[in-house]
Amino acid sequence: MYIDEAFLQSALNSLKKVIFSSFHFAMPGIVETYDSETGLAAVQPALRRRTSDGKILTAPLLQEVPVFLPAADFSVSSGMPCLLIFMDFCLDGWLQSGKPVLPPSPRQHDWSDAVALVGFAPAFPPPQQ
């Protein structure tokens, strides 16, 4: 049985899309409540999704989410280490409104949707500039 290369590529791309759409690497959220004693928050994911049949889904409120707070020095300078997080979905709409939105682009896990958490550092001190 011969399988056409274009058909196989299309099938693999469809499978990849299904698999990737189930991943959750990073997403902006909105803090609903925060407990400063435990450092835990209830956070509403801020990006909605459209299913293949057109339904709009809102993620559930996430409970007991550990909150990252930067060190006392909030200034950012060249050479500082950071944690890059590549968002699950296009951030453009959320960055413009700050409210839950449908992403304006279908891109997922894209370089252009990275955010940096400054203050995330290796165990050793970074080199002084």
Protein backbone atom coordinates (compact mmCIF):
# COMPACT_ATOMS: atom_id res chain seq x y z
CA MET A 1 0.00 0.00 0.00
CA TYR A 2 1.40 3.38 -1.04
CA ILE A 3 0.87 6.41 1.21
CA ASP A 4 1.15 9.76 -0.49
CA GLU A 5 3.76 12.00 1.17
CA ALA A 6 1.43 15.02 1.19
CA PHE A 7 -1.30 12.95 2.87
CA LEU A 8 1.13 11.68 5.48
CA GLN A 9 2.42 15.20 6.18
CA SER A 10 -1.15 16.48 6.53
CA ALA A 11 -2.04 13.63 8.91
CA LEU A 12 1.05 14.29 11.03
CA ASN A 13 0.31 18.02 11.16
CA SER A 14 -3.26 17.28 12.29
CA LEU A 15 -1.98 14.92 14.98
CA LYS A 16 0.59 17.49 16.13
CA LYS A 17 -2.13 20.14 16.40
CA VAL A 18 -4.31 17.86 18.54
CA ILE A 19 -1.40 16.94 20.81
CA PHE A 20 -0.08 20.49 21.17
CA SER A 21 -3.53 21.89 21.92
CA SER A 22 -3.62 19.74 25.05
CA PHE A 23 -0.32 21.14 26.43
CA HIS A 24 -0.27 23.95 28.95
CA PHE A 25 3.16 25.56 29.19
CA ALA A 26 2.30 29.09 30.19
CA MET A 27 -0.50 31.61 30.00
CA PRO A 28 -1.30 35.00 31.52
CA GLY A 29 -3.66 34.91 34.45
CA ILE A 30 -5.60 37.25 36.70
CA VAL A 31 -5.26 36.85 40.48
CA GLU A 32 -8.66 36.51 42.09
CA THR A 33 -7.45 36.04 45.69
CA TYR A 34 -4.03 35.94 47.35
CA ASP A 35 -3.02 34.63 50.78
CA SER A 36 0.20 36.39 51.81
CA GLU A 37 0.78 33.93 54.66
CA THR A 38 0.87 30.87 52.40
CA GLY A 39 2.00 32.64 49.22
CA LEU A 40 -0.84 30.93 47.33
CA ALA A 41 -3.38 32.49 44.99
CA ALA A 42 -6.53 31.61 43.11
CA VAL A 43 -5.85 32.58 39.50
CA GLN A 44 -8.15 32.80 36.49
CA PRO A 45 -6.35 31.91 33.24
CA ALA A 46 -6.82 34.94 30.98
CA LEU A 47 -6.96 33.38 27.51
CA ARG A 48 -10.04 31.65 26.19
CA ARG A 49 -10.04 28.92 23.55
CA ARG A 50 -12.25 28.12 20.61
CA THR A 51 -12.92 24.42 20.03
CA SER A 52 -13.00 22.87 16.58
CA ASP A 53 -16.81 23.05 16.67
CA GLY A 54 -16.75 26.79 17.48
CA LYS A 55 -17.50 26.74 21.22
CA ILE A 56 -15.63 29.25 23.37
CA LEU A 57 -14.09 27.72 26.47
CA THR A 58 -13.00 29.54 29.61
CA ALA A 59 -10.48 27.68 31.76
CA PRO A 60 -11.43 26.93 35.36
CA LEU A 61 -10.25 29.08 38.25
CA LEU A 62 -6.96 27.55 39.43
CA GLN A 63 -6.68 27.17 43.21
CA GLU A 64 -3.58 27.19 45.44
CA VAL A 65 -1.21 28.50 42.76
CA PRO A 66 2.26 29.30 44.17
CA VAL A 67 3.08 32.96 43.50
CA PHE A 68 6.53 34.04 42.31
CA LEU A 69 7.60 37.32 43.86
CA PRO A 70 10.88 38.90 42.72
CA ALA A 71 13.65 39.74 45.16
CA ALA A 72 13.64 43.10 46.92
CA ASP A 73 15.53 44.72 44.02
CA PHE A 74 12.92 45.28 41.30
CA SER A 75 15.26 46.96 38.82
CA VAL A 76 16.14 45.09 35.64
CA SER A 77 19.56 45.41 34.09
CA SER A 78 21.56 43.90 31.26
CA GLY A 79 23.00 40.49 32.11
CA MET A 80 20.36 39.55 34.67
CA PRO A 81 19.20 35.96 34.50
CA CYS A 82 15.53 35.32 33.87
CA LEU A 83 13.12 32.52 33.13
CA LEU A 84 11.63 32.60 29.63
CA ILE A 85 8.17 31.16 29.37
CA PHE A 86 6.59 30.54 25.96
CA MET A 87 2.87 31.04 26.23
CA ASP A 88 0.38 28.45 25.08
CA PHE A 89 -1.41 30.95 22.88
CA CYS A 90 -0.99 34.32 21.18
CA LEU A 91 -0.73 37.07 23.81
CA ASP A 92 -1.50 40.08 21.60
CA GLY A 93 -5.18 40.49 22.51
CA TRP A 94 -4.59 40.06 26.23
CA LEU A 95 -1.63 42.48 26.22
CA GLN A 96 -3.87 45.13 24.62
CA SER A 97 -6.90 44.67 26.89
CA GLY A 98 -5.77 42.97 30.10
CA LYS A 99 -9.05 41.04 30.07
CA PRO A 100 -9.99 37.47 29.08
CA VAL A 101 -9.99 37.34 25.28
CA LEU A 102 -9.92 34.94 22.39
CA PRO A 103 -6.38 34.98 20.98
CA PRO A 104 -6.37 36.89 17.67
CA SER A 105 -4.00 34.37 16.09
CA PRO A 106 -3.98 30.54 16.13
CA ARG A 107 -0.24 30.40 16.89
CA GLN A 108 0.81 28.28 19.87
CA HIS A 109 4.08 28.07 21.84
CA ASP A 110 5.59 30.72 19.58
CA TRP A 111 8.83 32.65 20.17
CA SER A 112 6.88 35.89 19.80
CA ASP A 113 4.74 35.02 22.83
CA ALA A 114 7.58 34.76 25.35
CA VAL A 115 7.63 36.51 28.72
CA ALA A 116 10.58 36.87 31.09
CA LEU A 117 10.44 36.37 34.84
CA VAL A 118 13.34 38.41 36.14
CA GLY A 119 14.61 37.22 39.50
CA PHE A 120 14.71 33.56 38.51
CA ALA A 121 18.41 32.85 38.93
CA PRO A 122 20.81 29.94 39.15
CA ALA A 123 22.03 28.86 42.60
CA PHE A 124 25.36 30.64 42.08
CA PRO A 125 25.57 34.45 41.88
CA PRO A 126 25.50 35.84 38.33
CA PRO A 127 28.65 37.60 37.11
CA GLN A 128 28.91 41.26 38.13
CA GLN A 129 28.84 43.79 35.30
